[in-house]
Structure formats: structure tokens, C-alpha cells
Amino acid sequence: MSSEINELILKELRKISKMFILVHAESIEKELEKIANTDKRKIMWVLIDGKRMSKDIAEVLKVSEEAVNKFLRKLSVAGFATNPKGKPPKRIIDYVPPAWIELLNKLEEGEENK
């Protein structure tokens, strides 16, 4: 019984979290833009998915791994992402502005046309 209640509570908390993010998307984007202040950094944010390592993100953007790690350190200090040693970085706030996704799509389209 306790396990079922915990699952229901967790499910409700996830709903509330998603609603909170949607309601405050504009504010979240403004705060993120203080750190993700270039198109490449915005694309880095999109690519931080808990699956790609920083070297993988660097390869996609054709930047140094150190550039990605510097960005990740700033995100970690601000509380936007985690970057555990030996594991892929992950967003704490799982929100990606739609315009930032378009930046990645344009980059990928440019790669295909080469």
C-alpha cells in the first residue's frame, strides 16, 4: 500500500513540475540565457540529455571538450545541470526553448548539405 501511495505522489509531483516549467518557461529561458549566451552554448544545452558525454557534445559542435566543460561548470554552479565525473551531464530543469532546438536542427541540416 505504501509503495502505491508513493508512486501516486511521485506521479503528481512530476505533473506539478511540468506545469511549473511551462508556466515559467519565459523566466527560465531568460535565466538560462545569462549562461547560454551564444548559439553554440544554446545548442550545448539542447544536447545535454543525460546520454551524451561532454566529448560527444564537443564533437557535434566542433568545439573543444574544455569549452563544453566550462559551460557545464557554469550550469552546475547556477543549479541548472549536474556533471558527475564519468557520467553524462544532465539538465536539472528539463526545459529546452523551442528556438534553441531550431538552432540544432539548422546545424544538422548544414552538416547534411556538405
PDB file of N, CA and C in Angstrom:
ATOM      1  N   MET A   1       0.820  -1.184   0.000  1.00  0.00           N
ATOM      2  CA  MET A   1       0.000   0.000   0.000  1.00  0.00           C
ATOM      3  C   MET A   1       0.872   1.259   0.000  1.00  0.00           C
ATOM      4  N   SER A   2       1.884   1.295   0.823  1.00  0.00           N
ATOM      5  CA  SER A   2       2.770   2.450   0.915  1.00  0.00           C
ATOM      6  C   SER A   2       3.474   2.706  -0.416  1.00  0.00           C
ATOM      7  N   SER A   3       3.874   1.655  -1.090  1.00  0.00           N
ATOM      8  CA  SER A   3       4.529   1.771  -2.393  1.00  0.00           C
ATOM      9  C   SER A   3       3.599   2.407  -3.434  1.00  0.00           C
ATOM     10  N   GLU A   4       2.336   2.005  -3.401  1.00  0.00           N
ATOM     11  CA  GLU A   4       1.351   2.564  -4.334  1.00  0.00           C
ATOM     12  C   GLU A   4       1.124   4.048  -4.062  1.00  0.00           C
ATOM     13  N   ILE A   5       1.064   4.415  -2.820  1.00  0.00           N
ATOM     14  CA  ILE A   5       0.878   5.819  -2.449  1.00  0.00           C
ATOM     15  C   ILE A   5       2.087   6.640  -2.891  1.00  0.00           C
ATOM     16  N   ASN A   6       3.276   6.097  -2.667  1.00  0.00           N
ATOM     17  CA  ASN A   6       4.491   6.787  -3.091  1.00  0.00           C
ATOM     18  C   ASN A   6       4.504   6.998  -4.609  1.00  0.00           C
ATOM     19  N   GLU A   7       4.084   5.997  -5.356  1.00  0.00           N
ATOM     20  CA  GLU A   7       4.022   6.113  -6.813  1.00  0.00           C
ATOM     21  C   GLU A   7       3.040   7.202  -7.241  1.00  0.00           C
ATOM     22  N   LEU A   8       1.883   7.249  -6.594  1.00  0.00           N
ATOM     23  CA  LEU A   8       0.889   8.278  -6.908  1.00  0.00           C
ATOM     24  C   LEU A   8       1.420   9.673  -6.593  1.00  0.00           C
ATOM     25  N   ILE A   9       2.084   9.805  -5.455  1.00  0.00           N
ATOM     26  CA  ILE A   9       2.661  11.098  -5.074  1.00  0.00           C
ATOM     27  C   ILE A   9       3.724  11.517  -6.073  1.00  0.00           C
ATOM     28  N   LEU A  10       4.594  10.586  -6.453  1.00  0.00           N
ATOM     29  CA  LEU A  10       5.641  10.876  -7.430  1.00  0.00           C
ATOM     30  C   LEU A  10       5.055  11.297  -8.775  1.00  0.00           C
ATOM     31  N   LYS A  11       4.003  10.626  -9.198  1.00  0.00           N
ATOM     32  CA  LYS A  11       3.334  10.952 -10.458  1.00  0.00           C
ATOM     33  C   LYS A  11       2.754  12.364 -10.403  1.00  0.00           C
ATOM     34  N   GLU A  12       2.131  12.716  -9.301  1.00  0.00           N
ATOM     35  CA  GLU A  12       1.558  14.055  -9.134  1.00  0.00           C
ATOM     36  C   GLU A  12       2.650  15.119  -9.087  1.00  0.00           C
ATOM     37  N   LEU A  13       3.740  14.821  -8.412  1.00  0.00           N
ATOM     38  CA  LEU A  13       4.850  15.773  -8.352  1.00  0.00           C
ATOM     39  C   LEU A  13       5.440  16.024  -9.736  1.00  0.00           C
ATOM     40  N   ARG A  14       5.521  14.996 -10.547  1.00  0.00           N
ATOM     41  CA  ARG A  14       6.019  15.167 -11.922  1.00  0.00           C
ATOM     42  C   ARG A  14       5.090  16.065 -12.725  1.00  0.00           C
ATOM     43  N   LYS A  15       3.786  15.884 -12.556  1.00  0.00           N
ATOM     44  CA  LYS A  15       2.810  16.742 -13.243  1.00  0.00           C
ATOM     45  C   LYS A  15       2.975  18.191 -12.808  1.00  0.00           C
ATOM     46  N   ILE A  16       3.083  18.393 -11.518  1.00  0.00           N
ATOM     47  CA  ILE A  16       3.240  19.745 -10.983  1.00  0.00           C
ATOM     48  C   ILE A  16       4.531  20.377 -11.500  1.00  0.00           C
ATOM     49  N   SER A  17       5.590  19.602 -11.538  1.00  0.00           N
ATOM     50  CA  SER A  17       6.872  20.092 -12.032  1.00  0.00           C
ATOM     51  C   SER A  17       6.764  20.521 -13.498  1.00  0.00           C
ATOM     52  N   LYS A  18       6.119  19.705 -14.316  1.00  0.00           N
ATOM     53  CA  LYS A  18       5.949  20.053 -15.735  1.00  0.00           C
ATOM     54  C   LYS A  18       5.118  21.311 -15.898  1.00  0.00           C
ATOM     55  N   MET A  19       4.056  21.432 -15.112  1.00  0.00           N
ATOM     56  CA  MET A  19       3.216  22.635 -15.190  1.00  0.00           C
ATOM     57  C   MET A  19       4.013  23.862 -14.756  1.00  0.00           C
ATOM     58  N   PHE A  20       4.791  23.732 -13.710  1.00  0.00           N
ATOM     59  CA  PHE A  20       5.608  24.833 -13.224  1.00  0.00           C
ATOM     60  C   PHE A  20       6.577  25.300 -14.308  1.00  0.00           C
ATOM     61  N   ILE A  21       7.222  24.355 -14.962  1.00  0.00           N
ATOM     62  CA  ILE A  21       8.173  24.692 -16.020  1.00  0.00           C
ATOM     63  C   ILE A  21       7.467  25.392 -17.174  1.00  0.00           C
ATOM     64  N   LEU A  22       6.313  24.897 -17.567  1.00  0.00           N
ATOM     65  CA  LEU A  22       5.580  25.526 -18.667  1.00  0.00           C
ATOM     66  C   LEU A  22       5.128  26.943 -18.315  1.00  0.00           C
ATOM     67  N   VAL A  23       4.636  27.122 -17.119  1.00  0.00           N
ATOM     68  CA  VAL A  23       4.164  28.438 -16.690  1.00  0.00           C
ATOM     69  C   VAL A  23       5.323  29.438 -16.621  1.00  0.00           C
ATOM     70  N   HIS A  24       6.475  28.976 -16.217  1.00  0.00           N
ATOM     71  CA  HIS A  24       7.626  29.857 -16.017  1.00  0.00           C
ATOM     72  C   HIS A  24       8.684  29.729 -17.114  1.00  0.00           C
ATOM     73  N   ALA A  25       8.306  29.189 -18.261  1.00  0.00           N
ATOM     74  CA  ALA A  25       9.259  28.942 -19.349  1.00  0.00           C
ATOM     75  C   ALA A  25      10.025  30.203 -19.745  1.00  0.00           C
ATOM     76  N   GLU A  26       9.322  31.314 -19.850  1.00  0.00           N
ATOM     77  CA  GLU A  26       9.975  32.559 -20.271  1.00  0.00           C
ATOM     78  C   GLU A  26      11.040  32.993 -19.262  1.00  0.00           C
ATOM     79  N   SER A  27      10.719  32.904 -17.991  1.00  0.00           N
ATOM     80  CA  SER A  27      11.683  33.270 -16.947  1.00  0.00           C
ATOM     81  C   SER A  27      12.864  32.315 -16.926  1.00  0.00           C
ATOM     82  N   ILE A  28      12.582  31.042 -17.104  1.00  0.00           N
ATOM     83  CA  ILE A  28      13.660  30.043 -17.132  1.00  0.00           C
ATOM     84  C   ILE A  28      14.589  30.331 -18.298  1.00  0.00           C
ATOM     85  N   GLU A  29      14.010  30.621 -19.464  1.00  0.00           N
ATOM     86  CA  GLU A  29      14.830  30.917 -20.645  1.00  0.00           C
ATOM     87  C   GLU A  29      15.708  32.143 -20.400  1.00  0.00           C
ATOM     88  N   LYS A  30      15.159  33.186 -19.795  1.00  0.00           N
ATOM     89  CA  LYS A  30      15.948  34.392 -19.514  1.00  0.00           C
ATOM     90  C   LYS A  30      17.119  34.090 -18.597  1.00  0.00           C
ATOM     91  N   GLU A  31      16.888  33.278 -17.581  1.00  0.00           N
ATOM     92  CA  GLU A  31      17.972  32.910 -16.668  1.00  0.00           C
ATOM     93  C   GLU A  31      19.017  32.046 -17.373  1.00  0.00           C
ATOM     94  N   LEU A  32      18.560  31.115 -18.175  1.00  0.00           N
ATOM     95  CA  LEU A  32      19.489  30.266 -18.924  1.00  0.00           C
ATOM     96  C   LEU A  32      20.348  31.081 -19.881  1.00  0.00           C
ATOM     97  N   GLU A  33      19.735  32.094 -20.497  1.00  0.00           N
ATOM     98  CA  GLU A  33      20.465  32.915 -21.478  1.00  0.00           C
ATOM     99  C   GLU A  33      21.600  33.714 -20.841  1.00  0.00           C
ATOM    100  N   LYS A  34      21.592  33.859 -19.542  1.00  0.00           N
ATOM    101  CA  LYS A  34      22.710  34.523 -18.872  1.00  0.00           C
ATOM    102  C   LYS A  34      23.980  33.680 -18.993  1.00  0.00           C
ATOM    103  N   ILE A  35      23.811  32.377 -19.105  1.00  0.00           N
ATOM    104  CA  ILE A  35      24.942  31.457 -19.243  1.00  0.00           C
ATOM    105  C   ILE A  35      25.045  30.969 -20.682  1.00  0.00           C
ATOM    106  N   ALA A  36      23.914  30.594 -21.261  1.00  0.00           N
ATOM    107  CA  ALA A  36      23.882  30.137 -22.660  1.00  0.00           C
ATOM    108  C   ALA A  36      23.714  31.375 -23.540  1.00  0.00           C
ATOM    109  N   ASN A  37      24.790  32.159 -23.619  1.00  0.00           N
ATOM    110  CA  ASN A  37      24.716  33.457 -24.269  1.00  0.00           C
ATOM    111  C   ASN A  37      25.232  33.474 -25.707  1.00  0.00           C
ATOM    112  N   THR A  38      25.460  32.298 -26.280  1.00  0.00           N
ATOM    113  CA  THR A  38      25.817  32.186 -27.699  1.00  0.00           C
ATOM    114  C   THR A  38      24.992  31.048 -28.297  1.00  0.00           C
ATOM    115  N   ASP A  39      24.905  31.025 -29.616  1.00  0.00           N
ATOM    116  CA  ASP A  39      24.165  29.946 -30.267  1.00  0.00           C
ATOM    117  C   ASP A  39      24.777  28.584 -29.947  1.00  0.00           C
ATOM    118  N   LYS A  40      26.104  28.511 -29.908  1.00  0.00           N
ATOM    119  CA  LYS A  40      26.746  27.222 -29.608  1.00  0.00           C
ATOM    120  C   LYS A  40      26.414  26.748 -28.196  1.00  0.00           C
ATOM    121  N   ARG A  41      26.372  27.664 -27.247  1.00  0.00           N
ATOM    122  CA  ARG A  41      26.023  27.280 -25.879  1.00  0.00           C
ATOM    123  C   ARG A  41      24.552  26.874 -25.785  1.00  0.00           C
ATOM    124  N   LYS A  42      23.708  27.522 -26.556  1.00  0.00           N
ATOM    125  CA  LYS A  42      22.292  27.134 -26.575  1.00  0.00           C
ATOM    126  C   LYS A  42      22.149  25.720 -27.122  1.00  0.00           C
ATOM    127  N   ILE A  43      22.923  25.410 -28.164  1.00  0.00           N
ATOM    128  CA  ILE A  43      22.885  24.054 -28.720  1.00  0.00           C
ATOM    129  C   ILE A  43      23.452  23.063 -27.701  1.00  0.00           C
ATOM    130  N   MET A  44      24.487  23.464 -26.975  1.00  0.00           N
ATOM    131  CA  MET A  44      25.031  22.596 -25.922  1.00  0.00           C
ATOM    132  C   MET A  44      23.925  22.241 -24.933  1.00  0.00           C
ATOM    133  N   TRP A  45      23.131  23.241 -24.546  1.00  0.00           N
ATOM    134  CA  TRP A  45      22.031  23.000 -23.606  1.00  0.00           C
ATOM    135  C   TRP A  45      21.075  21.951 -24.165  1.00  0.00           C
ATOM    136  N   VAL A  46      20.762  22.065 -25.447  1.00  0.00           N
ATOM    137  CA  VAL A  46      19.859  21.096 -26.082  1.00  0.00           C
ATOM    138  C   VAL A  46      20.461  19.697 -26.018  1.00  0.00           C
ATOM    139  N   LEU A  47      21.761  19.609 -26.223  1.00  0.00           N
ATOM    140  CA  LEU A  47      22.434  18.306 -26.287  1.00  0.00           C
ATOM    141  C   LEU A  47      22.696  17.675 -24.915  1.00  0.00           C
ATOM    142  N   ILE A  48      22.550  18.440 -23.853  1.00  0.00           N
ATOM    143  CA  ILE A  48      22.728  17.877 -22.505  1.00  0.00           C
ATOM    144  C   ILE A  48      21.462  17.085 -22.181  1.00  0.00           C
ATOM    145  N   ASP A  49      21.543  15.785 -22.393  1.00  0.00           N
ATOM    146  CA  ASP A  49      20.350  14.945 -22.274  1.00  0.00           C
ATOM    147  C   ASP A  49      20.525  13.766 -21.323  1.00  0.00           C
ATOM    148  N   GLY A  50      21.645  13.726 -20.632  1.00  0.00           N
ATOM    149  CA  GLY A  50      21.887  12.612 -19.731  1.00  0.00           C
ATOM    150  C   GLY A  50      22.398  11.366 -20.438  1.00  0.00           C
ATOM    151  N   LYS A  51      22.636  11.485 -21.748  1.00  0.00           N
ATOM    152  CA  LYS A  51      23.142  10.350 -22.535  1.00  0.00           C
ATOM    153  C   LYS A  51      24.490  10.668 -23.171  1.00  0.00           C
ATOM    154  N   ARG A  52      24.656  11.909 -23.615  1.00  0.00           N
ATOM    155  CA  ARG A  52      25.892  12.308 -24.293  1.00  0.00           C
ATOM    156  C   ARG A  52      26.921  12.799 -23.275  1.00  0.00           C
ATOM    157  N   MET A  53      28.151  12.347 -23.469  1.00  0.00           N
ATOM    158  CA  MET A  53      29.265  12.842 -22.665  1.00  0.00           C
ATOM    159  C   MET A  53      29.699  14.187 -23.239  1.00  0.00           C
ATOM    160  N   SER A  54      30.474  14.936 -22.465  1.00  0.00           N
ATOM    161  CA  SER A  54      30.898  16.260 -22.926  1.00  0.00           C
ATOM    162  C   SER A  54      31.714  16.168 -24.216  1.00  0.00           C
ATOM    163  N   LYS A  55      32.494  15.116 -24.389  1.00  0.00           N
ATOM    164  CA  LYS A  55      33.270  14.967 -25.628  1.00  0.00           C
ATOM    165  C   LYS A  55      32.354  14.769 -26.832  1.00  0.00           C
ATOM    166  N   ASP A  56      31.226  14.095 -26.642  1.00  0.00           N
ATOM    167  CA  ASP A  56      30.260  13.896 -27.724  1.00  0.00           C
ATOM    168  C   ASP A  56      29.616  15.224 -28.123  1.00  0.00           C
ATOM    169  N   ILE A  57      29.295  16.027 -27.130  1.00  0.00           N
ATOM    170  CA  ILE A  57      28.711  17.343 -27.392  1.00  0.00           C
ATOM    171  C   ILE A  57      29.721  18.210 -28.131  1.00  0.00           C
ATOM    172  N   ALA A  58      30.981  18.152 -27.699  1.00  0.00           N
ATOM    173  CA  ALA A  58      32.042  18.924 -28.354  1.00  0.00           C
ATOM    174  C   ALA A  58      32.197  18.522 -29.816  1.00  0.00           C
ATOM    175  N   GLU A  59      32.101  17.244 -30.096  1.00  0.00           N
ATOM    176  CA  GLU A  59      32.235  16.769 -31.480  1.00  0.00           C
ATOM    177  C   GLU A  59      31.113  17.288 -32.369  1.00  0.00           C
ATOM    178  N   VAL A  60      29.890  17.295 -31.863  1.00  0.00           N
ATOM    179  CA  VAL A  60      28.756  17.776 -32.647  1.00  0.00           C
ATOM    180  C   VAL A  60      28.959  19.240 -33.028  1.00  0.00           C
ATOM    181  N   LEU A  61      29.448  20.033 -32.077  1.00  0.00           N
ATOM    182  CA  LEU A  61      29.599  21.473 -32.288  1.00  0.00           C
ATOM    183  C   LEU A  61      30.952  21.882 -32.846  1.00  0.00           C
ATOM    184  N   LYS A  62      31.858  20.915 -32.935  1.00  0.00           N
ATOM    185  CA  LYS A  62      33.213  21.187 -33.399  1.00  0.00           C
ATOM    186  C   LYS A  62      33.885  22.260 -32.534  1.00  0.00           C
ATOM    187  N   VAL A  63      33.785  22.054 -31.219  1.00  0.00           N
ATOM    188  CA  VAL A  63      34.461  22.900 -30.234  1.00  0.00           C
ATOM    189  C   VAL A  63      35.287  21.988 -29.339  1.00  0.00           C
ATOM    190  N   SER A  64      36.101  22.584 -28.500  1.00  0.00           N
ATOM    191  CA  SER A  64      36.914  21.771 -27.603  1.00  0.00           C
ATOM    192  C   SER A  64      36.054  21.205 -26.472  1.00  0.00           C
ATOM    193  N   GLU A  65      36.504  20.085 -25.959  1.00  0.00           N
ATOM    194  CA  GLU A  65      35.808  19.495 -24.817  1.00  0.00           C
ATOM    195  C   GLU A  65      35.886  20.429 -23.616  1.00  0.00           C
ATOM    196  N   GLU A  66      36.988  21.172 -23.513  1.00  0.00           N
ATOM    197  CA  GLU A  66      37.141  22.132 -22.417  1.00  0.00           C
ATOM    198  C   GLU A  66      36.081  23.229 -22.500  1.00  0.00           C
ATOM    199  N   ALA A  67      35.719  23.661 -23.710  1.00  0.00           N
ATOM    200  CA  ALA A  67      34.665  24.680 -23.868  1.00  0.00           C
ATOM    201  C   ALA A  67      33.336  24.146 -23.327  1.00  0.00           C
ATOM    202  N   VAL A  68      33.054  22.891 -23.613  1.00  0.00           N
ATOM    203  CA  VAL A  68      31.826  22.274 -23.111  1.00  0.00           C
ATOM    204  C   VAL A  68      31.891  22.154 -21.592  1.00  0.00           C
ATOM    205  N   ASN A  69      33.030  21.716 -21.075  1.00  0.00           N
ATOM    206  CA  ASN A  69      33.178  21.550 -19.625  1.00  0.00           C
ATOM    207  C   ASN A  69      33.083  22.882 -18.883  1.00  0.00           C
ATOM    208  N   LYS A  70      33.603  23.937 -19.480  1.00  0.00           N
ATOM    209  CA  LYS A  70      33.488  25.269 -18.867  1.00  0.00           C
ATOM    210  C   LYS A  70      32.013  25.668 -18.767  1.00  0.00           C
ATOM    211  N   PHE A  71      31.270  25.438 -19.836  1.00  0.00           N
ATOM    212  CA  PHE A  71      29.839  25.725 -19.843  1.00  0.00           C
ATOM    213  C   PHE A  71      29.111  24.885 -18.792  1.00  0.00           C
ATOM    214  N   LEU A  72      29.464  23.616 -18.713  1.00  0.00           N
ATOM    215  CA  LEU A  72      28.845  22.723 -17.730  1.00  0.00           C
ATOM    216  C   LEU A  72      29.137  23.155 -16.299  1.00  0.00           C
ATOM    217  N   ARG A  73      30.345  23.644 -16.056  1.00  0.00           N
ATOM    218  CA  ARG A  73      30.680  24.133 -14.709  1.00  0.00           C
ATOM    219  C   ARG A  73      29.788  25.318 -14.344  1.00  0.00           C
ATOM    220  N   LYS A  74      29.602  26.231 -15.291  1.00  0.00           N
ATOM    221  CA  LYS A  74      28.747  27.394 -15.039  1.00  0.00           C
ATOM    222  C   LYS A  74      27.305  26.963 -14.778  1.00  0.00           C
ATOM    223  N   LEU A  75      26.822  26.002 -15.564  1.00  0.00           N
ATOM    224  CA  LEU A  75      25.460  25.493 -15.360  1.00  0.00           C
ATOM    225  C   LEU A  75      25.317  24.827 -14.001  1.00  0.00           C
ATOM    226  N   SER A  76      26.335  24.087 -13.606  1.00  0.00           N
ATOM    227  CA  SER A  76      26.300  23.389 -12.312  1.00  0.00           C
ATOM    228  C   SER A  76      26.263  24.381 -11.157  1.00  0.00           C
ATOM    229  N   VAL A  77      27.090  25.412 -11.235  1.00  0.00           N
ATOM    230  CA  VAL A  77      27.123  26.430 -10.177  1.00  0.00           C
ATOM    231  C   VAL A  77      25.761  27.124 -10.072  1.00  0.00           C
ATOM    232  N   ALA A  78      25.125  27.371 -11.220  1.00  0.00           N
ATOM    233  CA  ALA A  78      23.825  28.051 -11.236  1.00  0.00           C
ATOM    234  C   ALA A  78      22.670  27.118 -10.878  1.00  0.00           C
ATOM    235  N   GLY A  79      22.944  25.819 -10.791  1.00  0.00           N
ATOM    236  CA  GLY A  79      21.904  24.860 -10.422  1.00  0.00           C
ATOM    237  C   GLY A  79      21.033  24.399 -11.580  1.00  0.00           C
ATOM    238  N   PHE A  80      21.521  24.564 -12.803  1.00  0.00           N
ATOM    239  CA  PHE A  80      20.753  24.155 -13.982  1.00  0.00           C
ATOM    240  C   PHE A  80      21.084  22.741 -14.465  1.00  0.00           C
ATOM    241  N   ALA A  81      22.259  22.234 -14.109  1.00  0.00           N
ATOM    242  CA  ALA A  81      22.672  20.921 -14.605  1.00  0.00           C
ATOM    243  C   ALA A  81      23.607  20.257 -13.606  1.00  0.00           C
ATOM    244  N   THR A  82      23.724  18.946 -13.761  1.00  0.00           N
ATOM    245  CA  THR A  82      24.715  18.192 -12.994  1.00  0.00           C
ATOM    246  C   THR A  82      25.723  17.628 -13.981  1.00  0.00           C
ATOM    247  N   ASN A  83      26.951  17.485 -13.515  1.00  0.00           N
ATOM    248  CA  ASN A  83      28.007  16.944 -14.365  1.00  0.00           C
ATOM    249  C   ASN A  83      28.858  15.980 -13.542  1.00  0.00           C
ATOM    250  N   PRO A  84      28.274  14.814 -13.223  1.00  0.00           N
ATOM    251  CA  PRO A  84      29.020  13.853 -12.397  1.00  0.00           C
ATOM    252  C   PRO A  84      30.209  13.261 -13.154  1.00  0.00           C
ATOM    253  N   LYS A  85      31.291  13.083 -12.452  1.00  0.00           N
ATOM    254  CA  LYS A  85      32.505  12.553 -13.066  1.00  0.00           C
ATOM    255  C   LYS A  85      32.245  11.159 -13.646  1.00  0.00           C
ATOM    256  N   GLY A  86      32.629  10.972 -14.905  1.00  0.00           N
ATOM    257  CA  GLY A  86      32.494   9.674 -15.561  1.00  0.00           C
ATOM    258  C   GLY A  86      31.098   9.354 -16.072  1.00  0.00           C
ATOM    259  N   LYS A  87      30.168  10.297 -15.898  1.00  0.00           N
ATOM    260  CA  LYS A  87      28.797  10.085 -16.364  1.00  0.00           C
ATOM    261  C   LYS A  87      28.381  11.263 -17.233  1.00  0.00           C
ATOM    262  N   PRO A  88      27.388  11.073 -18.076  1.00  0.00           N
ATOM    263  CA  PRO A  88      26.931  12.181 -18.918  1.00  0.00           C
ATOM    264  C   PRO A  88      26.288  13.294 -18.089  1.00  0.00           C
ATOM    265  N   PRO A  89      26.491  14.539 -18.505  1.00  0.00           N
ATOM    266  CA  PRO A  89      25.813  15.643 -17.814  1.00  0.00           C
ATOM    267  C   PRO A  89      24.311  15.573 -18.051  1.00  0.00           C
ATOM    268  N   LYS A  90      23.568  16.153 -17.142  1.00  0.00           N
ATOM    269  CA  LYS A  90      22.113  16.098 -17.239  1.00  0.00           C
ATOM    270  C   LYS A  90      21.511  17.419 -16.771  1.00  0.00           C
ATOM    271  N   ARG A  91      20.471  17.861 -17.472  1.00  0.00           N
ATOM    272  CA  ARG A  91      19.752  19.067 -17.068  1.00  0.00           C
ATOM    273  C   ARG A  91      18.957  18.778 -15.801  1.00  0.00           C
ATOM    274  N   ILE A  92      18.977  19.714 -14.854  1.00  0.00           N
ATOM    275  CA  ILE A  92      18.132  19.606 -13.670  1.00  0.00           C
ATOM    276  C   ILE A  92      16.741  20.111 -14.017  1.00  0.00           C
ATOM    277  N   ILE A  93      16.697  21.224 -14.731  1.00  0.00           N
ATOM    278  CA  ILE A  93      15.430  21.755 -15.227  1.00  0.00           C
ATOM    279  C   ILE A  93      15.300  21.266 -16.657  1.00  0.00           C
ATOM    280  N   ASP A  94      14.373  20.374 -16.880  1.00  0.00           N
ATOM    281  CA  ASP A  94      14.251  19.743 -18.192  1.00  0.00           C
ATOM    282  C   ASP A  94      13.376  20.592 -19.119  1.00  0.00           C
ATOM    283  N   TYR A  95      13.927  21.741 -19.485  1.00  0.00           N
ATOM    284  CA  TYR A  95      13.234  22.633 -20.405  1.00  0.00           C
ATOM    285  C   TYR A  95      14.215  23.094 -21.466  1.00  0.00           C
ATOM    286  N   VAL A  96      13.785  22.996 -22.717  1.00  0.00           N
ATOM    287  CA  VAL A  96      14.584  23.480 -23.829  1.00  0.00           C
ATOM    288  C   VAL A  96      13.715  24.435 -24.643  1.00  0.00           C
ATOM    289  N   PRO A  97      14.125  25.695 -24.737  1.00  0.00           N
ATOM    290  CA  PRO A  97      13.351  26.631 -25.547  1.00  0.00           C
ATOM    291  C   PRO A  97      13.252  26.149 -27.002  1.00  0.00           C
ATOM    292  N   PRO A  98      12.069  26.203 -27.589  1.00  0.00           N
ATOM    293  CA  PRO A  98      11.891  25.717 -28.969  1.00  0.00           C
ATOM    294  C   PRO A  98      12.861  26.349 -29.966  1.00  0.00           C
ATOM    295  N   ALA A  99      13.153  27.623 -29.814  1.00  0.00           N
ATOM    296  CA  ALA A  99      14.077  28.289 -30.745  1.00  0.00           C
ATOM    297  C   ALA A  99      15.473  27.681 -30.672  1.00  0.00           C
ATOM    298  N   TRP A 100      15.841  27.152 -29.509  1.00  0.00           N
ATOM    299  CA  TRP A 100      17.153  26.536 -29.356  1.00  0.00           C
ATOM    300  C   TRP A 100      17.207  25.195 -30.080  1.00  0.00           C
ATOM    301  N   ILE A 101      16.099  24.491 -30.093  1.00  0.00           N
ATOM    302  CA  ILE A 101      16.022  23.232 -30.841  1.00  0.00           C
ATOM    303  C   ILE A 101      16.192  23.519 -32.329  1.00  0.00           C
ATOM    304  N   GLU A 102      15.614  24.628 -32.788  1.00  0.00           N
ATOM    305  CA  GLU A 102      15.755  25.029 -34.197  1.00  0.00           C
ATOM    306  C   GLU A 102      17.210  25.292 -34.547  1.00  0.00           C
ATOM    307  N   LEU A 103      17.976  25.856 -33.619  1.00  0.00           N
ATOM    308  CA  LEU A 103      19.406  26.075 -33.866  1.00  0.00           C
ATOM    309  C   LEU A 103      20.118  24.755 -34.132  1.00  0.00           C
ATOM    310  N   LEU A 104      19.800  23.737 -33.351  1.00  0.00           N
ATOM    311  CA  LEU A 104      20.391  22.414 -33.556  1.00  0.00           C
ATOM    312  C   LEU A 104      19.950  21.834 -34.887  1.00  0.00           C
ATOM    313  N   ASN A 105      18.671  21.981 -35.206  1.00  0.00           N
ATOM    314  CA  ASN A 105      18.168  21.468 -36.485  1.00  0.00           C
ATOM    315  C   ASN A 105      18.880  22.115 -37.659  1.00  0.00           C
ATOM    316  N   LYS A 106      19.117  23.421 -37.590  1.00  0.00           N
ATOM    317  CA  LYS A 106      19.829  24.130 -38.664  1.00  0.00           C
ATOM    318  C   LYS A 106      21.258  23.630 -38.777  1.00  0.00           C
ATOM    319  N   LEU A 107      21.893  23.393 -37.641  1.00  0.00           N
ATOM    320  CA  LEU A 107      23.257  22.870 -37.645  1.00  0.00           C
ATOM    321  C   LEU A 107      23.294  21.498 -38.315  1.00  0.00           C
ATOM    322  N   GLU A 108      22.356  20.642 -37.952  1.00  0.00           N
ATOM    323  CA  GLU A 108      22.300  19.296 -38.535  1.00  0.00           C
ATOM    324  C   GLU A 108      21.986  19.342 -40.024  1.00  0.00           C
ATOM    325  N   GLU A 109      21.118  20.263 -40.438  1.00  0.00           N
ATOM    326  CA  GLU A 109      20.805  20.405 -41.861  1.00  0.00           C
ATOM    327  C   GLU A 109      22.040  20.865 -42.623  1.00  0.00           C
ATOM    328  N   GLY A 110      22.797  21.770 -42.044  1.00  0.00           N
ATOM    329  CA  GLY A 110      24.032  22.239 -42.667  1.00  0.00           C
ATOM    330  C   GLY A 110      25.039  21.122 -42.839  1.00  0.00           C
ATOM    331  N   GLU A 111      25.099  20.218 -41.873  1.00  0.00           N
ATOM    332  CA  GLU A 111      26.014  19.065 -41.948  1.00  0.00           C
ATOM    333  C   GLU A 111      25.601  18.135 -43.079  1.00  0.00           C
ATOM    334  N   GLU A 112      24.298  17.956 -43.262  1.00  0.00           N
ATOM    335  CA  GLU A 112      23.804  17.054 -44.300  1.00  0.00           C
ATOM    336  C   GLU A 112      24.094  17.598 -45.687  1.00  0.00           C
ATOM    337  N   ASN A 113      24.103  18.909 -45.837  1.00  0.00           N
ATOM    338  CA  ASN A 113      24.306  19.538 -47.145  1.00  0.00           C
ATOM    339  C   ASN A 113      25.769  19.575 -47.564  1.00  0.00           C
ATOM    340  N   LYS A 114      26.673  19.181 -46.687  1.00  0.00           N
ATOM    341  CA  LYS A 114      28.106  19.193 -47.018  1.00  0.00           C
ATOM    342  C   LYS A 114      28.495  17.966 -47.784  1.00  0.00           C
TER     343      LYS A 114
END
